[in-house]
């Protein structure tokens, strides 16, 4: 059974930083692209960042230069380093694997106060 468990969310002031982690189990982690999505109240879930099995990455325009996605295949873990946080980054952040039958984590709340 595939499981994705996020951690690292919390409350931070604007300009601050947080590091999210997502630990995967039940999959051959290194073979798959992994991504972080977020969903703010009243808005659709959006892709924030993706990291491919090759290590290449892509980011939403809104987070380019502020967020960094990385992965540690030895630990089956994907990270999202978030710097220069803005109130607009407030959302529930979800981890997702890009297998054909992809799995979602339970989400972790990030709240950025102004």
Protein backbone atom coordinates (compact mmCIF):
# COMPACT_ATOMS: atom_id res chain seq x y z
CA UNK A 1 0.00 0.00 0.00
CA UNK A 2 1.37 3.36 -1.06
CA UNK A 3 1.56 6.08 1.58
CA UNK A 4 2.75 9.67 1.41
CA UNK A 5 3.15 11.48 4.72
CA UNK A 6 3.79 15.23 4.75
CA UNK A 7 5.27 17.20 7.62
CA UNK A 8 6.80 20.59 8.30
CA UNK A 9 3.89 22.96 7.89
CA UNK A 10 3.06 25.68 10.38
CA UNK A 11 2.55 29.37 11.03
CA UNK A 12 5.24 31.79 9.87
CA UNK A 13 5.50 35.53 9.34
CA UNK A 14 5.82 36.99 5.88
CA UNK A 15 9.41 36.80 4.72
CA UNK A 16 10.06 33.67 6.73
CA UNK A 17 10.92 30.13 5.65
CA UNK A 18 9.57 26.63 6.06
CA UNK A 19 10.75 23.23 4.85
CA UNK A 20 8.16 20.62 4.00
CA UNK A 21 8.97 16.92 3.86
CA UNK A 22 7.07 14.04 2.28
CA UNK A 23 8.05 10.48 3.16
CA UNK A 24 6.92 7.81 0.71
CA UNK A 25 6.44 4.11 1.29
CA UNK A 26 5.16 1.24 -0.83
CA UNK A 27 6.63 2.49 -4.13
CA UNK A 28 9.98 2.34 -5.92
CA UNK A 29 10.47 6.00 -5.14
CA UNK A 30 13.43 6.71 -7.39
CA UNK A 31 11.51 5.75 -10.54
CA UNK A 32 8.82 8.40 -10.31
CA UNK A 33 8.39 12.11 -10.55
CA UNK A 34 7.16 13.68 -7.33
CA UNK A 35 5.34 16.93 -6.85
CA UNK A 36 3.98 19.44 -4.37
CA UNK A 37 0.53 20.93 -4.86
CA UNK A 38 -1.33 23.47 -2.77
CA UNK A 39 -4.94 24.42 -2.25
CA UNK A 40 -6.05 27.68 -0.71
CA UNK A 41 -9.61 28.16 0.63
CA UNK A 42 -12.05 28.63 -2.24
CA UNK A 43 -9.43 27.92 -4.89
CA UNK A 44 -8.50 24.95 -7.05
CA UNK A 45 -5.55 22.75 -6.19
CA UNK A 46 -2.49 23.91 -8.13
CA UNK A 47 0.87 22.39 -8.92
CA UNK A 48 3.66 24.23 -7.12
CA UNK A 49 6.74 22.22 -8.05
CA UNK A 50 7.72 18.92 -9.63
CA UNK A 51 10.94 16.93 -9.58
CA UNK A 52 11.52 14.17 -12.09
CA UNK A 53 13.39 10.93 -11.55
CA UNK A 54 16.31 12.55 -13.39
CA UNK A 55 16.41 15.32 -10.80
CA UNK A 56 15.22 18.04 -13.17
CA UNK A 57 12.62 20.41 -11.76
CA UNK A 58 9.84 22.77 -12.75
CA UNK A 59 8.04 25.44 -10.74
CA UNK A 60 4.91 27.49 -10.88
CA UNK A 61 5.69 31.08 -11.88
CA UNK A 62 4.39 32.33 -8.54
CA UNK A 63 7.09 30.49 -6.57
CA UNK A 64 10.09 30.60 -8.92
CA UNK A 65 13.16 31.90 -7.14
CA UNK A 66 11.59 31.39 -3.70
CA UNK A 67 10.83 27.66 -3.47
CA UNK A 68 13.17 24.72 -4.10
CA UNK A 69 12.08 21.12 -4.54
CA UNK A 70 14.56 18.31 -3.90
CA UNK A 71 14.56 14.58 -3.30
CA UNK A 72 16.59 12.03 -1.37
CA UNK A 73 16.05 8.66 -3.01
CA UNK A 74 17.91 6.87 -0.21
CA UNK A 75 15.32 8.17 2.26
CA UNK A 76 12.30 7.97 -0.09
CA UNK A 77 11.64 11.60 0.74
CA UNK A 78 10.86 14.73 -1.27
CA UNK A 79 11.31 18.21 0.19
CA UNK A 80 10.03 21.69 -0.50
CA UNK A 81 12.15 24.53 0.84
CA UNK A 82 10.04 27.67 0.94
CA UNK A 83 11.76 31.02 1.42
CA UNK A 84 10.50 34.60 1.33
CA UNK A 85 7.02 33.38 2.16
CA UNK A 86 4.08 35.63 1.36
CA UNK A 87 0.51 35.64 2.75
CA UNK A 88 -0.59 34.42 -0.70
CA UNK A 89 1.33 31.19 -0.04
CA UNK A 90 -1.15 30.27 2.70
CA UNK A 91 -2.68 26.92 1.75
CA UNK A 92 -2.76 23.22 2.48
CA UNK A 93 0.24 21.66 0.76
CA UNK A 94 -0.03 18.14 -0.65
CA UNK A 95 2.57 15.68 -1.83
CA UNK A 96 1.78 13.61 -4.94
CA UNK A 97 3.48 10.85 -6.87
CA UNK A 98 3.14 10.69 -10.64
CA UNK A 99 2.53 6.99 -11.08
CA UNK A 100 -0.42 6.11 -13.30
CA UNK A 101 -2.47 5.60 -10.14
CA UNK A 102 -0.91 8.43 -8.20
CA UNK A 103 -1.36 8.86 -4.48
CA UNK A 104 -1.94 12.00 -2.41
CA UNK A 105 -0.71 12.71 1.06
CA UNK A 106 -3.03 14.00 3.77
CA UNK A 107 -1.75 17.55 3.44
CA UNK A 108 0.02 19.97 5.75
CA UNK A 109 -1.21 23.47 6.55
CA UNK A 110 1.03 26.44 5.81
CA UNK A 111 -0.13 29.80 7.14
CA UNK A 112 1.79 32.99 6.40
CA UNK A 113 0.83 36.03 8.45
CA UNK A 114 1.33 39.57 7.20
